[in-house]
């Protein structure tokens, strides 16, 4: 049966997401790293690992993982959006602007990207 090998990875990814959502970050990181050990180009594992790193204040690692998610899947809207939010939080406004503009390239009219760009424009104008 084709695709059967992906099922254990997806189960592991989902388990990691459950841990992340419960605030069990060490367990989440372990699950996402297991997925990435088996499939280094698993964009969703990179995204979720990047989010967890951001939650625990490991911002360099967070940015690296979010960027890897985009490298693996260039049109990954959620990764571009979260990368932009992380850049914003770190005061890296030009990088954030590029990320939100990338979201709009993927999905023109995306409401959250438009809102973030408006916020950035207002903040930078002050």
PDB file of N, CA and C in Angstrom:
ATOM      1  N   UNK A   1       0.842  -1.181   0.000  1.00  0.00           N
ATOM      2  CA  UNK A   1       0.000   0.000   0.000  1.00  0.00           C
ATOM      3  C   UNK A   1       0.883   1.238   0.000  1.00  0.00           C
ATOM      4  N   UNK A   2       0.644   2.112  -0.932  1.00  0.00           N
ATOM      5  CA  UNK A   2       1.423   3.338  -1.070  1.00  0.00           C
ATOM      6  C   UNK A   2       1.091   4.323   0.048  1.00  0.00           C
ATOM      7  N   UNK A   3       2.138   4.979   0.581  1.00  0.00           N
ATOM      8  CA  UNK A   3       1.930   6.000   1.595  1.00  0.00           C
ATOM      9  C   UNK A   3       1.844   5.471   3.010  1.00  0.00           C
ATOM     10  N   UNK A   4       1.901   4.153   3.194  1.00  0.00           N
ATOM     11  CA  UNK A   4       1.768   3.592   4.539  1.00  0.00           C
ATOM     12  C   UNK A   4       2.932   4.024   5.434  1.00  0.00           C
ATOM     13  N   UNK A   5       4.108   4.258   4.834  1.00  0.00           N
ATOM     14  CA  UNK A   5       5.265   4.667   5.617  1.00  0.00           C
ATOM     15  C   UNK A   5       5.107   6.041   6.237  1.00  0.00           C
ATOM     16  N   UNK A   6       4.228   6.863   5.679  1.00  0.00           N
ATOM     17  CA  UNK A   6       4.047   8.216   6.200  1.00  0.00           C
ATOM     18  C   UNK A   6       3.169   8.221   7.449  1.00  0.00           C
ATOM     19  N   UNK A   7       2.348   7.212   7.632  1.00  0.00           N
ATOM     20  CA  UNK A   7       1.412   7.204   8.754  1.00  0.00           C
ATOM     21  C   UNK A   7       2.088   7.331  10.116  1.00  0.00           C
ATOM     22  N   UNK A   8       3.153   6.561  10.392  1.00  0.00           N
ATOM     23  CA  UNK A   8       3.807   6.724  11.709  1.00  0.00           C
ATOM     24  C   UNK A   8       4.376   8.126  11.901  1.00  0.00           C
ATOM     25  N   UNK A   9       4.881   8.739  10.848  1.00  0.00           N
ATOM     26  CA  UNK A   9       5.401  10.106  10.963  1.00  0.00           C
ATOM     27  C   UNK A   9       4.278  11.091  11.266  1.00  0.00           C
ATOM     28  N   UNK A  10       3.169  10.932  10.575  1.00  0.00           N
ATOM     29  CA  UNK A  10       2.037  11.835  10.822  1.00  0.00           C
ATOM     30  C   UNK A  10       1.492  11.639  12.233  1.00  0.00           C
ATOM     31  N   UNK A  11       1.465  10.393  12.702  1.00  0.00           N
ATOM     32  CA  UNK A  11       1.008  10.130  14.073  1.00  0.00           C
ATOM     33  C   UNK A  11       1.942  10.800  15.072  1.00  0.00           C
ATOM     34  N   UNK A  12       3.238  10.716  14.784  1.00  0.00           N
ATOM     35  CA  UNK A  12       4.225  11.348  15.665  1.00  0.00           C
ATOM     36  C   UNK A  12       4.096  12.871  15.632  1.00  0.00           C
ATOM     37  N   UNK A  13       3.891  13.422  14.441  1.00  0.00           N
ATOM     38  CA  UNK A  13       3.678  14.864  14.308  1.00  0.00           C
ATOM     39  C   UNK A  13       2.450  15.282  15.121  1.00  0.00           C
ATOM     40  N   UNK A  14       1.368  14.549  14.969  1.00  0.00           N
ATOM     41  CA  UNK A  14       0.137  14.882  15.694  1.00  0.00           C
ATOM     42  C   UNK A  14       0.323  14.773  17.204  1.00  0.00           C
ATOM     43  N   UNK A  15       1.094  13.791  17.631  1.00  0.00           N
ATOM     44  CA  UNK A  15       1.393  13.651  19.062  1.00  0.00           C
ATOM     45  C   UNK A  15       2.193  14.864  19.550  1.00  0.00           C
ATOM     46  N   UNK A  16       3.144  15.299  18.735  1.00  0.00           N
ATOM     47  CA  UNK A  16       3.925  16.495  19.079  1.00  0.00           C
ATOM     48  C   UNK A  16       3.049  17.727  19.164  1.00  0.00           C
ATOM     49  N   UNK A  17       2.096  17.853  18.241  1.00  0.00           N
ATOM     50  CA  UNK A  17       1.181  18.998  18.255  1.00  0.00           C
ATOM     51  C   UNK A  17       0.313  18.959  19.517  1.00  0.00           C
ATOM     52  N   UNK A  18      -0.131  17.770  19.897  1.00  0.00           N
ATOM     53  CA  UNK A  18      -0.909  17.639  21.147  1.00  0.00           C
ATOM     54  C   UNK A  18      -0.087  18.111  22.341  1.00  0.00           C
ATOM     55  N   UNK A  19       1.172  17.664  22.405  1.00  0.00           N
ATOM     56  CA  UNK A  19       2.050  18.103  23.504  1.00  0.00           C
ATOM     57  C   UNK A  19       2.228  19.623  23.464  1.00  0.00           C
ATOM     58  N   UNK A  20       2.446  20.166  22.266  1.00  0.00           N
ATOM     59  CA  UNK A  20       2.626  21.620  22.126  1.00  0.00           C
ATOM     60  C   UNK A  20       1.396  22.348  22.647  1.00  0.00           C
ATOM     61  N   UNK A  21       0.224  21.884  22.250  1.00  0.00           N
ATOM     62  CA  UNK A  21      -1.023  22.545  22.651  1.00  0.00           C
ATOM     63  C   UNK A  21      -1.285  22.457  24.153  1.00  0.00           C
ATOM     64  N   UNK A  22      -0.727  21.446  24.804  1.00  0.00           N
ATOM     65  CA  UNK A  22      -0.885  21.288  26.255  1.00  0.00           C
ATOM     66  C   UNK A  22       0.220  22.006  27.025  1.00  0.00           C
ATOM     67  N   UNK A  23       1.171  22.612  26.314  1.00  0.00           N
ATOM     68  CA  UNK A  23       2.276  23.282  26.982  1.00  0.00           C
ATOM     69  C   UNK A  23       3.375  22.330  27.420  1.00  0.00           C
ATOM     70  N   UNK A  24       3.349  21.114  26.906  1.00  0.00           N
ATOM     71  CA  UNK A  24       4.373  20.101  27.223  1.00  0.00           C
ATOM     72  C   UNK A  24       5.474  20.205  26.161  1.00  0.00           C
ATOM     73  N   UNK A  25       6.273  21.263  26.296  1.00  0.00           N
ATOM     74  CA  UNK A  25       7.188  21.627  25.222  1.00  0.00           C
ATOM     75  C   UNK A  25       8.344  20.657  25.028  1.00  0.00           C
ATOM     76  N   UNK A  26       8.892  20.108  26.116  1.00  0.00           N
ATOM     77  CA  UNK A  26      10.001  19.155  25.962  1.00  0.00           C
ATOM     78  C   UNK A  26       9.554  17.932  25.179  1.00  0.00           C
ATOM     79  N   UNK A  27       8.367  17.417  25.500  1.00  0.00           N
ATOM     80  CA  UNK A  27       7.848  16.252  24.794  1.00  0.00           C
ATOM     81  C   UNK A  27       7.550  16.599  23.334  1.00  0.00           C
ATOM     82  N   UNK A  28       7.025  17.798  23.114  1.00  0.00           N
ATOM     83  CA  UNK A  28       6.727  18.237  21.748  1.00  0.00           C
ATOM     84  C   UNK A  28       8.007  18.300  20.915  1.00  0.00           C
ATOM     85  N   UNK A  29       9.048  18.912  21.479  1.00  0.00           N
ATOM     86  CA  UNK A  29      10.329  19.017  20.768  1.00  0.00           C
ATOM     87  C   UNK A  29      10.850  17.626  20.424  1.00  0.00           C
ATOM     88  N   UNK A  30      10.772  16.708  21.373  1.00  0.00           N
ATOM     89  CA  UNK A  30      11.250  15.338  21.120  1.00  0.00           C
ATOM     90  C   UNK A  30      10.495  14.697  19.959  1.00  0.00           C
ATOM     91  N   UNK A  31       9.176  14.869  19.927  1.00  0.00           N
ATOM     92  CA  UNK A  31       8.378  14.281  18.837  1.00  0.00           C
ATOM     93  C   UNK A  31       8.740  14.911  17.493  1.00  0.00           C
ATOM     94  N   UNK A  32       8.839  16.236  17.448  1.00  0.00           N
ATOM     95  CA  UNK A  32       9.148  16.905  16.187  1.00  0.00           C
ATOM     96  C   UNK A  32      10.547  16.529  15.698  1.00  0.00           C
ATOM     97  N   UNK A  33      11.485  16.395  16.624  1.00  0.00           N
ATOM     98  CA  UNK A  33      12.842  15.992  16.225  1.00  0.00           C
ATOM     99  C   UNK A  33      12.865  14.565  15.694  1.00  0.00           C
ATOM    100  N   UNK A  34      12.026  13.704  16.254  1.00  0.00           N
ATOM    101  CA  UNK A  34      11.928  12.324  15.734  1.00  0.00           C
ATOM    102  C   UNK A  34      11.398  12.329  14.299  1.00  0.00           C
ATOM    103  N   UNK A  35      10.391  13.142  14.058  1.00  0.00           N
ATOM    104  CA  UNK A  35       9.846  13.255  12.696  1.00  0.00           C
ATOM    105  C   UNK A  35      10.938  13.742  11.754  1.00  0.00           C
ATOM    106  N   UNK A  36      11.687  14.758  12.176  1.00  0.00           N
ATOM    107  CA  UNK A  36      12.726  15.334  11.321  1.00  0.00           C
ATOM    108  C   UNK A  36      13.912  14.395  11.138  1.00  0.00           C
ATOM    109  N   UNK A  37      14.159  13.529  12.111  1.00  0.00           N
ATOM    110  CA  UNK A  37      15.222  12.533  11.942  1.00  0.00           C
ATOM    111  C   UNK A  37      14.853  11.568  10.817  1.00  0.00           C
ATOM    112  N   UNK A  38      13.577  11.252  10.717  1.00  0.00           N
ATOM    113  CA  UNK A  38      13.108  10.336   9.676  1.00  0.00           C
ATOM    114  C   UNK A  38      12.911  11.052   8.341  1.00  0.00           C
ATOM    115  N   UNK A  39      12.507  12.322   8.400  1.00  0.00           N
ATOM    116  CA  UNK A  39      12.243  13.101   7.190  1.00  0.00           C
ATOM    117  C   UNK A  39      12.685  14.546   7.419  1.00  0.00           C
ATOM    118  N   UNK A  40      13.957  14.841   7.105  1.00  0.00           N
ATOM    119  CA  UNK A  40      14.493  16.181   7.371  1.00  0.00           C
ATOM    120  C   UNK A  40      13.776  17.308   6.620  1.00  0.00           C
ATOM    121  N   UNK A  41      12.974  16.976   5.629  1.00  0.00           N
ATOM    122  CA  UNK A  41      12.272  17.998   4.854  1.00  0.00           C
ATOM    123  C   UNK A  41      10.785  18.060   5.195  1.00  0.00           C
ATOM    124  N   UNK A  42      10.423  17.616   6.376  1.00  0.00           N
ATOM    125  CA  UNK A  42       9.023  17.624   6.810  1.00  0.00           C
ATOM    126  C   UNK A  42       8.673  19.045   7.257  1.00  0.00           C
ATOM    127  N   UNK A  43       8.035  19.796   6.374  1.00  0.00           N
ATOM    128  CA  UNK A  43       7.774  21.217   6.607  1.00  0.00           C
ATOM    129  C   UNK A  43       6.935  21.458   7.861  1.00  0.00           C
ATOM    130  N   UNK A  44       5.921  20.625   8.100  1.00  0.00           N
ATOM    131  CA  UNK A  44       5.066  20.841   9.274  1.00  0.00           C
ATOM    132  C   UNK A  44       5.816  20.585  10.587  1.00  0.00           C
ATOM    133  N   UNK A  45       6.746  19.646  10.572  1.00  0.00           N
ATOM    134  CA  UNK A  45       7.557  19.403  11.776  1.00  0.00           C
ATOM    135  C   UNK A  45       8.463  20.609  12.048  1.00  0.00           C
ATOM    136  N   UNK A  46       9.079  21.153  10.978  1.00  0.00           N
ATOM    137  CA  UNK A  46       9.900  22.355  11.152  1.00  0.00           C
ATOM    138  C   UNK A  46       9.063  23.518  11.680  1.00  0.00           C
ATOM    139  N   UNK A  47       7.870  23.705  11.113  1.00  0.00           N
ATOM    140  CA  UNK A  47       6.987  24.787  11.565  1.00  0.00           C
ATOM    141  C   UNK A  47       6.685  24.646  13.050  1.00  0.00           C
ATOM    142  N   UNK A  48       6.225  23.483  13.452  1.00  0.00           N
ATOM    143  CA  UNK A  48       5.819  23.292  14.845  1.00  0.00           C
ATOM    144  C   UNK A  48       6.997  23.358  15.804  1.00  0.00           C
ATOM    145  N   UNK A  49       8.145  22.846  15.389  1.00  0.00           N
ATOM    146  CA  UNK A  49       9.342  22.960  16.220  1.00  0.00           C
ATOM    147  C   UNK A  49       9.717  24.437  16.371  1.00  0.00           C
ATOM    148  N   UNK A  50       9.615  25.189  15.286  1.00  0.00           N
ATOM    149  CA  UNK A  50       9.893  26.616  15.346  1.00  0.00           C
ATOM    150  C   UNK A  50       8.946  27.357  16.280  1.00  0.00           C
ATOM    151  N   UNK A  51       7.680  26.963  16.261  1.00  0.00           N
ATOM    152  CA  UNK A  51       6.710  27.596  17.156  1.00  0.00           C
ATOM    153  C   UNK A  51       7.038  27.302  18.616  1.00  0.00           C
ATOM    154  N   UNK A  52       7.361  26.055  18.911  1.00  0.00           N
ATOM    155  CA  UNK A  52       7.702  25.695  20.296  1.00  0.00           C
ATOM    156  C   UNK A  52       8.945  26.450  20.745  1.00  0.00           C
ATOM    157  N   UNK A  53       9.949  26.510  19.893  1.00  0.00           N
ATOM    158  CA  UNK A  53      11.152  27.262  20.259  1.00  0.00           C
ATOM    159  C   UNK A  53      10.809  28.714  20.559  1.00  0.00           C
ATOM    160  N   UNK A  54       9.912  29.296  19.788  1.00  0.00           N
ATOM    161  CA  UNK A  54       9.488  30.664  20.059  1.00  0.00           C
ATOM    162  C   UNK A  54       8.783  30.784  21.398  1.00  0.00           C
ATOM    163  N   UNK A  55       7.943  29.791  21.721  1.00  0.00           N
ATOM    164  CA  UNK A  55       7.204  29.809  22.988  1.00  0.00           C
ATOM    165  C   UNK A  55       8.148  29.800  24.187  1.00  0.00           C
ATOM    166  N   UNK A  56       9.291  29.113  24.061  1.00  0.00           N
ATOM    167  CA  UNK A  56      10.207  28.987  25.201  1.00  0.00           C
ATOM    168  C   UNK A  56      11.353  30.004  25.145  1.00  0.00           C
ATOM    169  N   UNK A  57      11.270  30.953  24.200  1.00  0.00           N
ATOM    170  CA  UNK A  57      12.260  32.021  24.156  1.00  0.00           C
ATOM    171  C   UNK A  57      13.536  31.707  23.403  1.00  0.00           C
ATOM    172  N   UNK A  58      13.549  30.609  22.644  1.00  0.00           N
ATOM    173  CA  UNK A  58      14.718  30.253  21.832  1.00  0.00           C
ATOM    174  C   UNK A  58      14.501  30.834  20.427  1.00  0.00           C
ATOM    175  N   UNK A  59      14.667  32.160  20.309  1.00  0.00           N
ATOM    176  CA  UNK A  59      14.243  32.854  19.103  1.00  0.00           C
ATOM    177  C   UNK A  59      15.118  32.588  17.887  1.00  0.00           C
ATOM    178  N   UNK A  60      16.427  32.456  18.064  1.00  0.00           N
ATOM    179  CA  UNK A  60      17.289  32.130  16.920  1.00  0.00           C
ATOM    180  C   UNK A  60      16.891  30.779  16.343  1.00  0.00           C
ATOM    181  N   UNK A  61      16.673  29.810  17.228  1.00  0.00           N
ATOM    182  CA  UNK A  61      16.277  28.472  16.788  1.00  0.00           C
ATOM    183  C   UNK A  61      14.896  28.510  16.149  1.00  0.00           C
ATOM    184  N   UNK A  62      14.015  29.337  16.700  1.00  0.00           N
ATOM    185  CA  UNK A  62      12.671  29.481  16.149  1.00  0.00           C
ATOM    186  C   UNK A  62      12.741  29.991  14.709  1.00  0.00           C
ATOM    187  N   UNK A  63      13.487  31.059  14.504  1.00  0.00           N
ATOM    188  CA  UNK A  63      13.621  31.622  13.155  1.00  0.00           C
ATOM    189  C   UNK A  63      14.214  30.601  12.197  1.00  0.00           C
ATOM    190  N   UNK A  64      15.226  29.877  12.644  1.00  0.00           N
ATOM    191  CA  UNK A  64      15.868  28.869  11.797  1.00  0.00           C
ATOM    192  C   UNK A  64      14.865  27.805  11.364  1.00  0.00           C
ATOM    193  N   UNK A  65      14.079  27.304  12.308  1.00  0.00           N
ATOM    194  CA  UNK A  65      13.112  26.244  11.980  1.00  0.00           C
ATOM    195  C   UNK A  65      12.002  26.757  11.069  1.00  0.00           C
ATOM    196  N   UNK A  66      11.515  27.966  11.320  1.00  0.00           N
ATOM    197  CA  UNK A  66      10.468  28.521  10.456  1.00  0.00           C
ATOM    198  C   UNK A  66      11.001  28.732   9.039  1.00  0.00           C
ATOM    199  N   UNK A  67      12.247  29.181   8.932  1.00  0.00           N
ATOM    200  CA  UNK A  67      12.857  29.354   7.611  1.00  0.00           C
ATOM    201  C   UNK A  67      13.063  28.008   6.920  1.00  0.00           C
ATOM    202  N   UNK A  68      13.410  26.972   7.688  1.00  0.00           N
ATOM    203  CA  UNK A  68      13.550  25.631   7.103  1.00  0.00           C
ATOM    204  C   UNK A  68      12.207  25.123   6.590  1.00  0.00           C
ATOM    205  N   UNK A  69      11.140  25.412   7.307  1.00  0.00           N
ATOM    206  CA  UNK A  69       9.801  25.002   6.850  1.00  0.00           C
ATOM    207  C   UNK A  69       9.521  25.610   5.480  1.00  0.00           C
ATOM    208  N   UNK A  70       9.897  26.874   5.299  1.00  0.00           N
ATOM    209  CA  UNK A  70       9.677  27.565   4.029  1.00  0.00           C
ATOM    210  C   UNK A  70      10.593  27.017   2.945  1.00  0.00           C
ATOM    211  N   UNK A  71      11.834  26.679   3.304  1.00  0.00           N
ATOM    212  CA  UNK A  71      12.742  26.068   2.329  1.00  0.00           C
ATOM    213  C   UNK A  71      12.162  24.759   1.814  1.00  0.00           C
ATOM    214  N   UNK A  72      11.571  23.988   2.723  1.00  0.00           N
ATOM    215  CA  UNK A  72      11.005  22.685   2.348  1.00  0.00           C
ATOM    216  C   UNK A  72       9.727  22.832   1.528  1.00  0.00           C
ATOM    217  N   UNK A  73       8.975  23.890   1.806  1.00  0.00           N
ATOM    218  CA  UNK A  73       7.681  24.108   1.148  1.00  0.00           C
ATOM    219  C   UNK A  73       7.515  25.620   0.950  1.00  0.00           C
ATOM    220  N   UNK A  74       8.055  26.144  -0.169  1.00  0.00           N
ATOM    221  CA  UNK A  74       8.084  27.606  -0.374  1.00  0.00           C
ATOM    222  C   UNK A  74       6.724  28.303  -0.311  1.00  0.00           C
ATOM    223  N   UNK A  75       5.655  27.607  -0.608  1.00  0.00           N
ATOM    224  CA  UNK A  75       4.332  28.237  -0.581  1.00  0.00           C
ATOM    225  C   UNK A  75       3.579  27.956   0.723  1.00  0.00           C
ATOM    226  N   UNK A  76       4.313  27.643   1.786  1.00  0.00           N
ATOM    227  CA  UNK A  76       3.723  27.280   3.084  1.00  0.00           C
ATOM    228  C   UNK A  76       3.272  28.559   3.786  1.00  0.00           C
ATOM    229  N   UNK A  77       2.035  28.926   3.557  1.00  0.00           N
ATOM    230  CA  UNK A  77       1.471  30.169   4.064  1.00  0.00           C
ATOM    231  C   UNK A  77       1.628  30.297   5.569  1.00  0.00           C
ATOM    232  N   UNK A  78       1.279  29.256   6.296  1.00  0.00           N
ATOM    233  CA  UNK A  78       1.335  29.307   7.767  1.00  0.00           C
ATOM    234  C   UNK A  78       2.757  29.576   8.266  1.00  0.00           C
ATOM    235  N   UNK A  79       3.750  29.018   7.586  1.00  0.00           N
ATOM    236  CA  UNK A  79       5.145  29.240   7.989  1.00  0.00           C
ATOM    237  C   UNK A  79       5.552  30.693   7.727  1.00  0.00           C
ATOM    238  N   UNK A  80       5.179  31.227   6.560  1.00  0.00           N
ATOM    239  CA  UNK A  80       5.492  32.630   6.259  1.00  0.00           C
ATOM    240  C   UNK A  80       4.833  33.553   7.286  1.00  0.00           C
ATOM    241  N   UNK A  81       3.577  33.273   7.619  1.00  0.00           N
ATOM    242  CA  UNK A  81       2.836  34.109   8.561  1.00  0.00           C
ATOM    243  C   UNK A  81       3.486  34.078   9.949  1.00  0.00           C
ATOM    244  N   UNK A  82       3.826  32.891  10.426  1.00  0.00           N
ATOM    245  CA  UNK A  82       4.445  32.779  11.748  1.00  0.00           C
ATOM    246  C   UNK A  82       5.855  33.346  11.766  1.00  0.00           C
ATOM    247  N   UNK A  83       6.570  33.227  10.656  1.00  0.00           N
ATOM    248  CA  UNK A  83       7.894  33.843  10.573  1.00  0.00           C
ATOM    249  C   UNK A  83       7.751  35.364  10.680  1.00  0.00           C
ATOM    250  N   UNK A  84       6.775  35.924   9.982  1.00  0.00           N
ATOM    251  CA  UNK A  84       6.537  37.358  10.057  1.00  0.00           C
ATOM    252  C   UNK A  84       6.194  37.812  11.465  1.00  0.00           C
ATOM    253  N   UNK A  85       5.338  37.056  12.137  1.00  0.00           N
ATOM    254  CA  UNK A  85       4.958  37.404  13.513  1.00  0.00           C
ATOM    255  C   UNK A  85       6.164  37.341  14.446  1.00  0.00           C
ATOM    256  N   UNK A  86       7.011  36.352  14.234  1.00  0.00           N
ATOM    257  CA  UNK A  86       8.205  36.216  15.076  1.00  0.00           C
ATOM    258  C   UNK A  86       9.159  37.382  14.821  1.00  0.00           C
ATOM    259  N   UNK A  87       9.369  37.712  13.552  1.00  0.00           N
ATOM    260  CA  UNK A  87      10.201  38.880  13.233  1.00  0.00           C
ATOM    261  C   UNK A  87       9.638  40.136  13.903  1.00  0.00           C
ATOM    262  N   UNK A  88       8.321  40.304  13.841  1.00  0.00           N
ATOM    263  CA  UNK A  88       7.673  41.475  14.462  1.00  0.00           C
ATOM    264  C   UNK A  88       7.979  41.527  15.946  1.00  0.00           C
ATOM    265  N   UNK A  89       7.791  40.402  16.597  1.00  0.00           N
ATOM    266  CA  UNK A  89       7.988  40.318  18.033  1.00  0.00           C
ATOM    267  C   UNK A  89       9.428  40.682  18.407  1.00  0.00           C
ATOM    268  N   UNK A  90      10.364  40.379  17.506  1.00  0.00           N
ATOM    269  CA  UNK A  90      11.779  40.641  17.770  1.00  0.00           C
ATOM    270  C   UNK A  90      12.208  42.027  17.282  1.00  0.00           C
ATOM    271  N   UNK A  91      11.250  42.809  16.755  1.00  0.00           N
ATOM    272  CA  UNK A  91      11.579  44.147  16.278  1.00  0.00           C
ATOM    273  C   UNK A  91      12.275  44.162  14.931  1.00  0.00           C
ATOM    274  N   UNK A  92      12.212  43.061  14.213  1.00  0.00           N
ATOM    275  CA  UNK A  92      12.849  42.943  12.892  1.00  0.00           C
ATOM    276  C   UNK A  92      11.783  43.263  11.836  1.00  0.00           C
ATOM    277  N   UNK A  93      11.441  44.550  11.726  1.00  0.00           N
ATOM    278  CA  UNK A  93      10.257  44.946  10.979  1.00  0.00           C
ATOM    279  C   UNK A  93      10.381  44.792   9.465  1.00  0.00           C
ATOM    280  N   UNK A  94      11.553  45.042   8.915  1.00  0.00           N
ATOM    281  CA  UNK A  94      11.702  44.881   7.460  1.00  0.00           C
ATOM    282  C   UNK A  94      11.567  43.402   7.073  1.00  0.00           C
ATOM    283  N   UNK A  95      12.141  42.524   7.891  1.00  0.00           N
ATOM    284  CA  UNK A  95      12.021  41.088   7.641  1.00  0.00           C
ATOM    285  C   UNK A  95      10.563  40.642   7.782  1.00  0.00           C
ATOM    286  N   UNK A  96       9.893  41.203   8.792  1.00  0.00           N
ATOM    287  CA  UNK A  96       8.478  40.880   9.003  1.00  0.00           C
ATOM    288  C   UNK A  96       7.657  41.311   7.790  1.00  0.00           C
ATOM    289  N   UNK A  97       7.930  42.510   7.304  1.00  0.00           N
ATOM    290  CA  UNK A  97       7.207  43.033   6.134  1.00  0.00           C
ATOM    291  C   UNK A  97       7.376  42.091   4.946  1.00  0.00           C
ATOM    292  N   UNK A  98       8.593  41.626   4.707  1.00  0.00           N
ATOM    293  CA  UNK A  98       8.836  40.698   3.593  1.00  0.00           C
ATOM    294  C   UNK A  98       8.048  39.396   3.780  1.00  0.00           C
ATOM    295  N   UNK A  99       7.984  38.917   5.010  1.00  0.00           N
ATOM    296  CA  UNK A  99       7.239  37.677   5.272  1.00  0.00           C
ATOM    297  C   UNK A  99       5.750  37.857   5.014  1.00  0.00           C
ATOM    298  N   UNK A 100       5.185  38.961   5.475  1.00  0.00           N
ATOM    299  CA  UNK A 100       3.757  39.199   5.267  1.00  0.00           C
ATOM    300  C   UNK A 100       3.452  39.441   3.784  1.00  0.00           C
ATOM    301  N   UNK A 101       4.385  40.094   3.087  1.00  0.00           N
ATOM    302  CA  UNK A 101       4.210  40.273   1.643  1.00  0.00           C
ATOM    303  C   UNK A 101       4.252  38.931   0.923  1.00  0.00           C
ATOM    304  N   UNK A 102       5.081  38.000   1.424  1.00  0.00           N
ATOM    305  CA  UNK A 102       5.130  36.653   0.839  1.00  0.00           C
ATOM    306  C   UNK A 102       3.788  35.947   1.023  1.00  0.00           C
ATOM    307  N   UNK A 103       3.161  36.142   2.181  1.00  0.00           N
ATOM    308  CA  UNK A 103       1.831  35.561   2.408  1.00  0.00           C
ATOM    309  C   UNK A 103       0.865  36.075   1.345  1.00  0.00           C
ATOM    310  N   UNK A 104       0.909  37.379   1.072  1.00  0.00           N
ATOM    311  CA  UNK A 104      -0.005  37.959   0.086  1.00  0.00           C
ATOM    312  C   UNK A 104       0.302  37.498  -1.332  1.00  0.00           C
ATOM    313  N   UNK A 105       1.546  37.134  -1.591  1.00  0.00           N
ATOM    314  CA  UNK A 105       1.877  36.553  -2.897  1.00  0.00           C
ATOM    315  C   UNK A 105       1.219  35.177  -3.048  1.00  0.00           C
ATOM    316  N   UNK A 106       1.199  34.432  -1.951  1.00  0.00           N
ATOM    317  CA  UNK A 106       0.614  33.093  -1.960  1.00  0.00           C
ATOM    318  C   UNK A 106      -0.913  33.174  -1.981  1.00  0.00           C
ATOM    319  N   UNK A 107      -1.445  34.062  -1.155  1.00  0.00           N
ATOM    320  CA  UNK A 107      -2.899  34.223  -1.045  1.00  0.00           C
ATOM    321  C   UNK A 107      -3.239  35.716  -1.015  1.00  0.00           C
ATOM    322  N   UNK A 108      -3.440  36.303  -2.195  1.00  0.00           N
ATOM    323  CA  UNK A 108      -3.786  37.734  -2.231  1.00  0.00           C
ATOM    324  C   UNK A 108      -5.036  37.998  -1.385  1.00  0.00           C
ATOM    325  N   UNK A 109      -4.986  39.089  -0.647  1.00  0.00           N
ATOM    326  CA  UNK A 109      -6.123  39.452   0.173  1.00  0.00           C
ATOM    327  C   UNK A 109      -6.162  38.786   1.529  1.00  0.00           C
ATOM    328  N   UNK A 110      -5.130  38.019   1.890  1.00  0.00           N
ATOM    329  CA  UNK A 110      -5.115  37.340   3.197  1.00  0.00           C
ATOM    330  C   UNK A 110      -5.285  38.392   4.288  1.00  0.00           C
ATOM    331  N   UNK A 111      -6.371  38.292   5.051  1.00  0.00           N
ATOM    332  CA  UNK A 111      -6.750  39.355   5.999  1.00  0.00           C
ATOM    333  C   UNK A 111      -5.706  39.579   7.078  1.00  0.00           C
ATOM    334  N   UNK A 112      -5.126  38.509   7.623  1.00  0.00           N
ATOM    335  CA  UNK A 112      -4.182  38.705   8.724  1.00  0.00           C
ATOM    336  C   UNK A 112      -2.883  39.339   8.238  1.00  0.00           C
ATOM    337  N   UNK A 113      -2.402  38.927   7.078  1.00  0.00           N
ATOM    338  CA  UNK A 113      -1.185  39.529   6.524  1.00  0.00           C
ATOM    339  C   UNK A 113      -1.421  41.013   6.236  1.00  0.00           C
ATOM    340  N   UNK A 114      -2.595  41.327   5.690  1.00  0.00           N
ATOM    341  CA  UNK A 114      -2.923  42.736   5.419  1.00  0.00           C
ATOM    342  C   UNK A 114      -2.974  43.531   6.721  1.00  0.00           C
ATOM    343  N   UNK A 115      -3.573  42.950   7.747  1.00  0.00           N
ATOM    344  CA  UNK A 115      -3.665  43.616   9.058  1.00  0.00           C
ATOM    345  C   UNK A 115      -2.266  43.845   9.626  1.00  0.00           C
ATOM    346  N   UNK A 116      -1.408  42.848   9.542  1.00  0.00           N
ATOM    347  CA  UNK A 116      -0.043  42.971  10.070  1.00  0.00           C
ATOM    348  C   UNK A 116       0.743  44.031   9.309  1.00  0.00           C
ATOM    349  N   UNK A 117       0.580  44.072   7.982  1.00  0.00           N
ATOM    350  CA  UNK A 117       1.287  45.083   7.190  1.00  0.00           C
ATOM    351  C   UNK A 117       0.797  46.488   7.527  1.00  0.00           C
ATOM    352  N   UNK A 118      -0.494  46.638   7.761  1.00  0.00           N
ATOM    353  CA  UNK A 118      -1.041  47.937   8.165  1.00  0.00           C
ATOM    354  C   UNK A 118      -0.468  48.354   9.514  1.00  0.00           C
ATOM    355  N   UNK A 119      -0.430  47.418  10.438  1.00  0.00           N
ATOM    356  CA  UNK A 119       0.147  47.688  11.763  1.00  0.00           C
ATOM    357  C   UNK A 119       1.617  48.108  11.632  1.00  0.00           C
ATOM    358  N   UNK A 120       2.369  47.370  10.815  1.00  0.00           N
ATOM    359  CA  UNK A 120       3.785  47.709  10.611  1.00  0.00           C
ATOM    360  C   UNK A 120       3.936  49.115  10.023  1.00  0.00           C
ATOM    361  N   UNK A 121       3.122  49.425   9.024  1.00  0.00           N
ATOM    362  CA  UNK A 121       3.201  50.743   8.396  1.00  0.00           C
ATOM    363  C   UNK A 121       2.908  51.841   9.415  1.00  0.00           C
ATOM    364  N   UNK A 122       1.917  51.634  10.249  1.00  0.00           N
ATOM    365  CA  UNK A 122       1.576  52.629  11.278  1.00  0.00           C
ATOM    366  C   UNK A 122       2.681  52.745  12.308  1.00  0.00           C
ATOM    367  N   UNK A 123       3.244  51.606  12.707  1.00  0.00           N
ATOM    368  CA  UNK A 123       4.306  51.611  13.726  1.00  0.00           C
ATOM    369  C   UNK A 123       5.569  52.272  13.207  1.00  0.00           C
ATOM    370  N   UNK A 124       5.912  52.005  11.955  1.00  0.00           N
ATOM    371  CA  UNK A 124       7.141  52.557  11.398  1.00  0.00           C
ATOM    372  C   UNK A 124       6.989  54.044  11.109  1.00  0.00           C
ATOM    373  N   UNK A 125       5.754  54.518  10.916  1.00  0.00           N
ATOM    374  CA  UNK A 125       5.508  55.934  10.618  1.00  0.00           C
ATOM    375  C   UNK A 125       5.634  56.813  11.860  1.00  0.00           C
ATOM    376  N   UNK A 126       5.557  56.210  13.039  1.00  0.00           N
ATOM    377  CA  UNK A 126       5.602  56.989  14.289  1.00  0.00           C
ATOM    378  C   UNK A 126       7.015  57.310  14.703  1.00  0.00           C
TER     379      UNK A 126
END
